[in-house]
Amino acid sequence: MSKKQVLRSARLHCDLVSDPEDRHVLAAAISGHVDAIVTWNEKDFPREVLDPFGIEVQTPDEFVLNQLMLEKLTALAALKRMRERWA
């Protein structure tokens, strides 16, 4: 799919997001070719809108757990750095 086709498709699909204030999130996810949107607001990103782009919705907890399962040491190091910044 060309960049022009992705942007056209993104514009069409963004109208299907439940909350108009979330359209920019979907547009950024599509144009950025992301794998997941991380949010507590799952209801505003219906699966039928995300599936054609291979995007899934994950809660922040799911995202962190997935990172720990995929790359445990890297994820733990990142969490440690975040904790140090907040201290």
PDB file of N, CA and C in Angstrom:
ATOM      1  N   MET A   1       0.846  -1.171   0.000  1.00  0.00           N
ATOM      2  CA  MET A   1       0.000   0.000   0.000  1.00  0.00           C
ATOM      3  C   MET A   1       0.897   1.241   0.000  1.00  0.00           C
ATOM      4  N   SER A   2       0.644   2.148  -0.908  1.00  0.00           N
ATOM      5  CA  SER A   2       1.442   3.365  -0.997  1.00  0.00           C
ATOM      6  C   SER A   2       1.079   4.322   0.136  1.00  0.00           C
ATOM      7  N   LYS A   3       1.955   5.309   0.357  1.00  0.00           N
ATOM      8  CA  LYS A   3       1.697   6.294   1.404  1.00  0.00           C
ATOM      9  C   LYS A   3       0.382   7.025   1.141  1.00  0.00           C
ATOM     10  N   LYS A   4       0.126   7.355  -0.113  1.00  0.00           N
ATOM     11  CA  LYS A   4      -1.112   8.056  -0.477  1.00  0.00           C
ATOM     12  C   LYS A   4      -2.328   7.188  -0.157  1.00  0.00           C
ATOM     13  N   GLN A   5      -2.239   5.890  -0.443  1.00  0.00           N
ATOM     14  CA  GLN A   5      -3.350   4.983  -0.159  1.00  0.00           C
ATOM     15  C   GLN A   5      -3.567   4.842   1.350  1.00  0.00           C
ATOM     16  N   VAL A   6      -2.471   4.776   2.097  1.00  0.00           N
ATOM     17  CA  VAL A   6      -2.583   4.666   3.553  1.00  0.00           C
ATOM     18  C   VAL A   6      -3.276   5.890   4.124  1.00  0.00           C
ATOM     19  N   LEU A   7      -2.865   7.073   3.676  1.00  0.00           N
ATOM     20  CA  LEU A   7      -3.468   8.303   4.188  1.00  0.00           C
ATOM     21  C   LEU A   7      -4.941   8.402   3.815  1.00  0.00           C
ATOM     22  N   ARG A   8      -5.287   8.019   2.590  1.00  0.00           N
ATOM     23  CA  ARG A   8      -6.688   8.049   2.162  1.00  0.00           C
ATOM     24  C   ARG A   8      -7.512   7.077   3.015  1.00  0.00           C
ATOM     25  N   SER A   9      -6.989   5.885   3.212  1.00  0.00           N
ATOM     26  CA  SER A   9      -7.677   4.883   4.019  1.00  0.00           C
ATOM     27  C   SER A   9      -7.784   5.347   5.468  1.00  0.00           C
ATOM     28  N   ALA A  10      -6.738   5.984   5.966  1.00  0.00           N
ATOM     29  CA  ALA A  10      -6.755   6.489   7.342  1.00  0.00           C
ATOM     30  C   ALA A  10      -7.862   7.511   7.511  1.00  0.00           C
ATOM     31  N   ARG A  11      -8.012   8.418   6.550  1.00  0.00           N
ATOM     32  CA  ARG A  11      -9.062   9.438   6.638  1.00  0.00           C
ATOM     33  C   ARG A  11     -10.440   8.782   6.685  1.00  0.00           C
ATOM     34  N   LEU A  12     -10.644   7.774   5.854  1.00  0.00           N
ATOM     35  CA  LEU A  12     -11.935   7.095   5.829  1.00  0.00           C
ATOM     36  C   LEU A  12     -12.205   6.363   7.135  1.00  0.00           C
ATOM     37  N   HIS A  13     -11.203   5.665   7.646  1.00  0.00           N
ATOM     38  CA  HIS A  13     -11.385   4.876   8.862  1.00  0.00           C
ATOM     39  C   HIS A  13     -11.466   5.746  10.108  1.00  0.00           C
ATOM     40  N   CYS A  14     -10.825   6.873  10.104  1.00  0.00           N
ATOM     41  CA  CYS A  14     -10.848   7.739  11.280  1.00  0.00           C
ATOM     42  C   CYS A  14     -12.252   8.219  11.586  1.00  0.00           C
ATOM     43  N   ASP A  15     -13.089   8.303  10.585  1.00  0.00           N
ATOM     44  CA  ASP A  15     -14.478   8.705  10.816  1.00  0.00           C
ATOM     45  C   ASP A  15     -15.251   7.641  11.582  1.00  0.00           C
ATOM     46  N   LEU A  16     -14.729   6.427  11.639  1.00  0.00           N
ATOM     47  CA  LEU A  16     -15.419   5.340  12.322  1.00  0.00           C
ATOM     48  C   LEU A  16     -15.069   5.248  13.809  1.00  0.00           C
ATOM     49  N   VAL A  17     -14.083   6.017  14.252  1.00  0.00           N
ATOM     50  CA  VAL A  17     -13.718   6.016  15.666  1.00  0.00           C
ATOM     51  C   VAL A  17     -14.857   6.665  16.445  1.00  0.00           C
ATOM     52  N   SER A  18     -15.211   6.066  17.572  1.00  0.00           N
ATOM     53  CA  SER A  18     -16.367   6.515  18.343  1.00  0.00           C
ATOM     54  C   SER A  18     -16.279   7.972  18.781  1.00  0.00           C
ATOM     55  N   ASP A  19     -15.121   8.378  19.256  1.00  0.00           N
ATOM     56  CA  ASP A  19     -14.949   9.737  19.770  1.00  0.00           C
ATOM     57  C   ASP A  19     -14.163  10.573  18.763  1.00  0.00           C
ATOM     58  N   PRO A  20     -14.762  11.624  18.222  1.00  0.00           N
ATOM     59  CA  PRO A  20     -14.059  12.455  17.241  1.00  0.00           C
ATOM     60  C   PRO A  20     -12.726  13.005  17.749  1.00  0.00           C
ATOM     61  N   GLU A  21     -12.604  13.154  19.064  1.00  0.00           N
ATOM     62  CA  GLU A  21     -11.353  13.663  19.629  1.00  0.00           C
ATOM     63  C   GLU A  21     -10.241  12.614  19.603  1.00  0.00           C
ATOM     64  N   ASP A  22     -10.563  11.364  19.253  1.00  0.00           N
ATOM     65  CA  ASP A  22      -9.559  10.297  19.164  1.00  0.00           C
ATOM     66  C   ASP A  22      -9.118  10.025  17.729  1.00  0.00           C
ATOM     67  N   ARG A  23      -9.685  10.717  16.770  1.00  0.00           N
ATOM     68  CA  ARG A  23      -9.359  10.450  15.366  1.00  0.00           C
ATOM     69  C   ARG A  23      -7.886  10.649  15.067  1.00  0.00           C
ATOM     70  N   HIS A  24      -7.276  11.647  15.676  1.00  0.00           N
ATOM     71  CA  HIS A  24      -5.859  11.899  15.415  1.00  0.00           C
ATOM     72  C   HIS A  24      -4.988  10.749  15.913  1.00  0.00           C
ATOM     73  N   VAL A  25      -5.438  10.061  16.961  1.00  0.00           N
ATOM     74  CA  VAL A  25      -4.681   8.920  17.485  1.00  0.00           C
ATOM     75  C   VAL A  25      -4.657   7.803  16.453  1.00  0.00           C
ATOM     76  N   LEU A  26      -5.817   7.503  15.893  1.00  0.00           N
ATOM     77  CA  LEU A  26      -5.889   6.460  14.872  1.00  0.00           C
ATOM     78  C   LEU A  26      -5.110   6.862  13.624  1.00  0.00           C
ATOM     79  N   ALA A  27      -5.241   8.114  13.215  1.00  0.00           N
ATOM     80  CA  ALA A  27      -4.513   8.575  12.027  1.00  0.00           C
ATOM     81  C   ALA A  27      -3.004   8.450  12.233  1.00  0.00           C
ATOM     82  N   ALA A  28      -2.515   8.822  13.407  1.00  0.00           N
ATOM     83  CA  ALA A  28      -1.080   8.705  13.698  1.00  0.00           C
ATOM     84  C   ALA A  28      -0.654   7.241  13.732  1.00  0.00           C
ATOM     85  N   ALA A  29      -1.487   6.384  14.304  1.00  0.00           N
ATOM     86  CA  ALA A  29      -1.161   4.958  14.372  1.00  0.00           C
ATOM     87  C   ALA A  29      -1.076   4.343  12.984  1.00  0.00           C
ATOM     88  N   ILE A  30      -2.010   4.702  12.122  1.00  0.00           N
ATOM     89  CA  ILE A  30      -2.023   4.163  10.764  1.00  0.00           C
ATOM     90  C   ILE A  30      -0.819   4.667   9.984  1.00  0.00           C
ATOM     91  N   SER A  31      -0.603   5.967  10.009  1.00  0.00           N
ATOM     92  CA  SER A  31       0.510   6.514   9.222  1.00  0.00           C
ATOM     93  C   SER A  31       1.856   6.120   9.795  1.00  0.00           C
ATOM     94  N   GLY A  32       1.913   5.817  11.094  1.00  0.00           N
ATOM     95  CA  GLY A  32       3.165   5.381  11.713  1.00  0.00           C
ATOM     96  C   GLY A  32       3.381   3.880  11.663  1.00  0.00           C
ATOM     97  N   HIS A  33       2.426   3.150  11.090  1.00  0.00           N
ATOM     98  CA  HIS A  33       2.521   1.692  10.950  1.00  0.00           C
ATOM     99  C   HIS A  33       2.794   1.005  12.295  1.00  0.00           C
ATOM    100  N   VAL A  34       2.063   1.427  13.330  1.00  0.00           N
ATOM    101  CA  VAL A  34       2.271   0.845  14.653  1.00  0.00           C
ATOM    102  C   VAL A  34       1.558  -0.495  14.777  1.00  0.00           C
ATOM    103  N   ASP A  35       1.971  -1.269  15.756  1.00  0.00           N
ATOM    104  CA  ASP A  35       1.338  -2.551  16.027  1.00  0.00           C
ATOM    105  C   ASP A  35       0.196  -2.429  17.032  1.00  0.00           C
ATOM    106  N   ALA A  36       0.274  -1.405  17.889  1.00  0.00           N
ATOM    107  CA  ALA A  36      -0.729  -1.283  18.943  1.00  0.00           C
ATOM    108  C   ALA A  36      -0.945   0.179  19.338  1.00  0.00           C
ATOM    109  N   ILE A  37      -2.166   0.451  19.781  1.00  0.00           N
ATOM    110  CA  ILE A  37      -2.496   1.705  20.438  1.00  0.00           C
ATOM    111  C   ILE A  37      -2.611   1.358  21.917  1.00  0.00           C
ATOM    112  N   VAL A  38      -1.864   2.053  22.747  1.00  0.00           N
ATOM    113  CA  VAL A  38      -1.860   1.776  24.180  1.00  0.00           C
ATOM    114  C   VAL A  38      -2.745   2.819  24.862  1.00  0.00           C
ATOM    115  N   THR A  39      -3.841   2.340  25.441  1.00  0.00           N
ATOM    116  CA  THR A  39      -4.817   3.250  26.048  1.00  0.00           C
ATOM    117  C   THR A  39      -5.723   2.493  27.010  1.00  0.00           C
ATOM    118  N   TRP A  40      -6.266   3.227  27.974  1.00  0.00           N
ATOM    119  CA  TRP A  40      -7.324   2.659  28.813  1.00  0.00           C
ATOM    120  C   TRP A  40      -8.669   2.791  28.101  1.00  0.00           C
ATOM    121  N   ASN A  41      -8.709   3.573  27.043  1.00  0.00           N
ATOM    122  CA  ASN A  41      -9.932   3.918  26.337  1.00  0.00           C
ATOM    123  C   ASN A  41     -10.192   2.951  25.175  1.00  0.00           C
ATOM    124  N   GLU A  42     -10.328   1.690  25.478  1.00  0.00           N
ATOM    125  CA  GLU A  42     -10.470   0.666  24.440  1.00  0.00           C
ATOM    126  C   GLU A  42     -11.768   0.791  23.640  1.00  0.00           C
ATOM    127  N   LYS A  43     -12.817   1.269  24.260  1.00  0.00           N
ATOM    128  CA  LYS A  43     -14.139   1.295  23.607  1.00  0.00           C
ATOM    129  C   LYS A  43     -14.187   2.218  22.391  1.00  0.00           C
ATOM    130  N   ASP A  44     -13.303   3.205  22.335  1.00  0.00           N
ATOM    131  CA  ASP A  44     -13.336   4.148  21.218  1.00  0.00           C
ATOM    132  C   ASP A  44     -12.520   3.697  20.005  1.00  0.00           C
ATOM    133  N   PHE A  45     -11.915   2.521  20.100  1.00  0.00           N
ATOM    134  CA  PHE A  45     -11.118   2.003  18.984  1.00  0.00           C
ATOM    135  C   PHE A  45     -11.606   0.595  18.631  1.00  0.00           C
ATOM    136  N   PRO A  46     -12.711   0.500  17.891  1.00  0.00           N
ATOM    137  CA  PRO A  46     -13.304  -0.805  17.574  1.00  0.00           C
ATOM    138  C   PRO A  46     -12.370  -1.687  16.732  1.00  0.00           C
ATOM    139  N   ARG A  47     -12.420  -2.949  17.020  1.00  0.00           N
ATOM    140  CA  ARG A  47     -11.573  -3.926  16.324  1.00  0.00           C
ATOM    141  C   ARG A  47     -11.793  -3.887  14.814  1.00  0.00           C
ATOM    142  N   GLU A  48     -13.039  -3.717  14.369  1.00  0.00           N
ATOM    143  CA  GLU A  48     -13.310  -3.723  12.926  1.00  0.00           C
ATOM    144  C   GLU A  48     -12.656  -2.539  12.212  1.00  0.00           C
ATOM    145  N   VAL A  49     -12.356  -1.479  12.941  1.00  0.00           N
ATOM    146  CA  VAL A  49     -11.650  -0.339  12.360  1.00  0.00           C
ATOM    147  C   VAL A  49     -10.145  -0.593  12.333  1.00  0.00           C
ATOM    148  N   LEU A  50      -9.625  -1.222  13.383  1.00  0.00           N
ATOM    149  CA  LEU A  50      -8.178  -1.431  13.516  1.00  0.00           C
ATOM    150  C   LEU A  50      -7.648  -2.635  12.738  1.00  0.00           C
ATOM    151  N   ASP A  51      -8.450  -3.681  12.644  1.00  0.00           N
ATOM    152  CA  ASP A  51      -7.988  -4.930  12.015  1.00  0.00           C
ATOM    153  C   ASP A  51      -7.416  -4.768  10.605  1.00  0.00           C
ATOM    154  N   PRO A  52      -8.029  -3.959   9.727  1.00  0.00           N
ATOM    155  CA  PRO A  52      -7.451  -3.838   8.379  1.00  0.00           C
ATOM    156  C   PRO A  52      -6.019  -3.290   8.368  1.00  0.00           C
ATOM    157  N   PHE A  53      -5.621  -2.638   9.460  1.00  0.00           N
ATOM    158  CA  PHE A  53      -4.278  -2.058   9.538  1.00  0.00           C
ATOM    159  C   PHE A  53      -3.351  -2.883  10.419  1.00  0.00           C
ATOM    160  N   GLY A  54      -3.842  -4.004  10.938  1.00  0.00           N
ATOM    161  CA  GLY A  54      -3.014  -4.847  11.792  1.00  0.00           C
ATOM    162  C   GLY A  54      -2.680  -4.183  13.120  1.00  0.00           C
ATOM    163  N   ILE A  55      -3.575  -3.324  13.588  1.00  0.00           N
ATOM    164  CA  ILE A  55      -3.359  -2.612  14.847  1.00  0.00           C
ATOM    165  C   ILE A  55      -4.264  -3.213  15.913  1.00  0.00           C
ATOM    166  N   GLU A  56      -3.738  -3.383  17.098  1.00  0.00           N
ATOM    167  CA  GLU A  56      -4.556  -3.832  18.216  1.00  0.00           C
ATOM    168  C   GLU A  56      -4.529  -2.782  19.321  1.00  0.00           C
ATOM    169  N   VAL A  57      -5.502  -2.868  20.218  1.00  0.00           N
ATOM    170  CA  VAL A  57      -5.547  -1.979  21.374  1.00  0.00           C
ATOM    171  C   VAL A  57      -5.052  -2.770  22.574  1.00  0.00           C
ATOM    172  N   GLN A  58      -4.146  -2.160  23.330  1.00  0.00           N
ATOM    173  CA  GLN A  58      -3.649  -2.770  24.559  1.00  0.00           C
ATOM    174  C   GLN A  58      -3.781  -1.763  25.684  1.00  0.00           C
ATOM    175  N   THR A  59      -4.166  -2.253  26.856  1.00  0.00           N
ATOM    176  CA  THR A  59      -4.136  -1.376  28.024  1.00  0.00           C
ATOM    177  C   THR A  59      -2.663  -1.164  28.386  1.00  0.00           C
ATOM    178  N   PRO A  60      -2.365  -0.129  29.160  1.00  0.00           N
ATOM    179  CA  PRO A  60      -0.974   0.057  29.591  1.00  0.00           C
ATOM    180  C   PRO A  60      -0.420  -1.172  30.317  1.00  0.00           C
ATOM    181  N   ASP A  61      -1.246  -1.810  31.136  1.00  0.00           N
ATOM    182  CA  ASP A  61      -0.790  -3.017  31.838  1.00  0.00           C
ATOM    183  C   ASP A  61      -0.442  -4.135  30.861  1.00  0.00           C
ATOM    184  N   GLU A  62      -1.306  -4.342  29.866  1.00  0.00           N
ATOM    185  CA  GLU A  62      -1.035  -5.381  28.862  1.00  0.00           C
ATOM    186  C   GLU A  62       0.250  -5.070  28.098  1.00  0.00           C
ATOM    187  N   PHE A  63       0.432  -3.797  27.761  1.00  0.00           N
ATOM    188  CA  PHE A  63       1.622  -3.398  27.015  1.00  0.00           C
ATOM    189  C   PHE A  63       2.887  -3.700  27.811  1.00  0.00           C
ATOM    190  N   VAL A  64       2.900  -3.319  29.081  1.00  0.00           N
ATOM    191  CA  VAL A  64       4.089  -3.566  29.915  1.00  0.00           C
ATOM    192  C   VAL A  64       4.342  -5.064  30.048  1.00  0.00           C
ATOM    193  N   LEU A  65       3.302  -5.833  30.290  1.00  0.00           N
ATOM    194  CA  LEU A  65       3.480  -7.283  30.413  1.00  0.00           C
ATOM    195  C   LEU A  65       3.992  -7.895  29.108  1.00  0.00           C
ATOM    196  N   ASN A  66       3.471  -7.422  27.980  1.00  0.00           N
ATOM    197  CA  ASN A  66       3.961  -7.920  26.689  1.00  0.00           C
ATOM    198  C   ASN A  66       5.434  -7.593  26.491  1.00  0.00           C
ATOM    199  N   GLN A  67       5.844  -6.395  26.879  1.00  0.00           N
ATOM    200  CA  GLN A  67       7.254  -6.023  26.744  1.00  0.00           C
ATOM    201  C   GLN A  67       8.124  -6.898  27.625  1.00  0.00           C
ATOM    202  N   LEU A  68       7.647  -7.186  28.833  1.00  0.00           N
ATOM    203  CA  LEU A  68       8.411  -8.060  29.730  1.00  0.00           C
ATOM    204  C   LEU A  68       8.543  -9.470  29.161  1.00  0.00           C
ATOM    205  N   MET A  69       7.489  -9.966  28.513  1.00  0.00           N
ATOM    206  CA  MET A  69       7.545 -11.305  27.918  1.00  0.00           C
ATOM    207  C   MET A  69       8.451 -11.336  26.691  1.00  0.00           C
ATOM    208  N   LEU A  70       8.446 -10.257  25.915  1.00  0.00           N
ATOM    209  CA  LEU A  70       9.231 -10.221  24.684  1.00  0.00           C
ATOM    210  C   LEU A  70      10.721  -9.998  24.934  1.00  0.00           C
ATOM    211  N   GLU A  71      11.035  -9.042  25.783  1.00  0.00           N
ATOM    212  CA  GLU A  71      12.434  -8.654  26.036  1.00  0.00           C
ATOM    213  C   GLU A  71      12.589  -8.293  27.508  1.00  0.00           C
ATOM    214  N   LYS A  72      12.626  -9.316  28.341  1.00  0.00           N
ATOM    215  CA  LYS A  72      12.582  -9.105  29.788  1.00  0.00           C
ATOM    216  C   LYS A  72      13.656  -8.140  30.288  1.00  0.00           C
ATOM    217  N   LEU A  73      14.906  -8.372  29.955  1.00  0.00           N
ATOM    218  CA  LEU A  73      15.986  -7.537  30.485  1.00  0.00           C
ATOM    219  C   LEU A  73      15.907  -6.103  29.986  1.00  0.00           C
ATOM    220  N   THR A  74      15.595  -5.936  28.710  1.00  0.00           N
ATOM    221  CA  THR A  74      15.458  -4.587  28.141  1.00  0.00           C
ATOM    222  C   THR A  74      14.301  -3.849  28.795  1.00  0.00           C
ATOM    223  N   ALA A  75      13.166  -4.529  28.968  1.00  0.00           N
ATOM    224  CA  ALA A  75      11.993  -3.905  29.579  1.00  0.00           C
ATOM    225  C   ALA A  75      12.267  -3.536  31.036  1.00  0.00           C
ATOM    226  N   LEU A  76      12.912  -4.426  31.773  1.00  0.00           N
ATOM    227  CA  LEU A  76      13.229  -4.130  33.171  1.00  0.00           C
ATOM    228  C   LEU A  76      14.178  -2.940  33.287  1.00  0.00           C
ATOM    229  N   ALA A  77      15.145  -2.861  32.402  1.00  0.00           N
ATOM    230  CA  ALA A  77      16.082  -1.731  32.413  1.00  0.00           C
ATOM    231  C   ALA A  77      15.335  -0.423  32.119  1.00  0.00           C
ATOM    232  N   ALA A  78      14.410  -0.458  31.180  1.00  0.00           N
ATOM    233  CA  ALA A  78      13.628   0.740  30.849  1.00  0.00           C
ATOM    234  C   ALA A  78      12.752   1.151  32.033  1.00  0.00           C
ATOM    235  N   LEU A  79      12.107   0.187  32.684  1.00  0.00           N
ATOM    236  CA  LEU A  79      11.288   0.492  33.852  1.00  0.00           C
ATOM    237  C   LEU A  79      12.127   1.090  34.975  1.00  0.00           C
ATOM    238  N   LYS A  80      13.321   0.562  35.162  1.00  0.00           N
ATOM    239  CA  LYS A  80      14.220   1.089  36.195  1.00  0.00           C
ATOM    240  C   LYS A  80      14.586   2.542  35.893  1.00  0.00           C
ATOM    241  N   ARG A  81      14.898   2.847  34.622  1.00  0.00           N
ATOM    242  CA  ARG A  81      15.232   4.227  34.250  1.00  0.00           C
ATOM    243  C   ARG A  81      14.045   5.162  34.469  1.00  0.00           C
ATOM    244  N   MET A  82      12.828   4.695  34.149  1.00  0.00           N
ATOM    245  CA  MET A  82      11.648   5.525  34.370  1.00  0.00           C
ATOM    246  C   MET A  82      11.450   5.799  35.862  1.00  0.00           C
ATOM    247  N   ARG A  83      11.604   4.761  36.658  1.00  0.00           N
ATOM    248  CA  ARG A  83      11.440   4.911  38.110  1.00  0.00           C
ATOM    249  C   ARG A  83      12.449   5.903  38.674  1.00  0.00           C
ATOM    250  N   GLU A  84      13.677   5.857  38.177  1.00  0.00           N
ATOM    251  CA  GLU A  84      14.720   6.776  38.651  1.00  0.00           C
ATOM    252  C   GLU A  84      14.378   8.224  38.291  1.00  0.00           C
ATOM    253  N   ARG A  85      13.774   8.439  37.129  1.00  0.00           N
ATOM    254  CA  ARG A  85      13.392   9.802  36.727  1.00  0.00           C
ATOM    255  C   ARG A  85      12.282  10.351  37.609  1.00  0.00           C
ATOM    256  N   TRP A  86      11.417   9.483  38.115  1.00  0.00           N
ATOM    257  CA  TRP A  86      10.293   9.922  38.927  1.00  0.00           C
ATOM    258  C   TRP A  86      10.676  10.124  40.392  1.00  0.00           C
ATOM    259  N   ALA A  87      11.815   9.595  40.792  1.00  0.00           N
ATOM    260  CA  ALA A  87      12.219   9.663  42.211  1.00  0.00           C
ATOM    261  C   ALA A  87      12.658  11.052  42.595  1.00  0.00           C
TER     262      ALA A  87
END
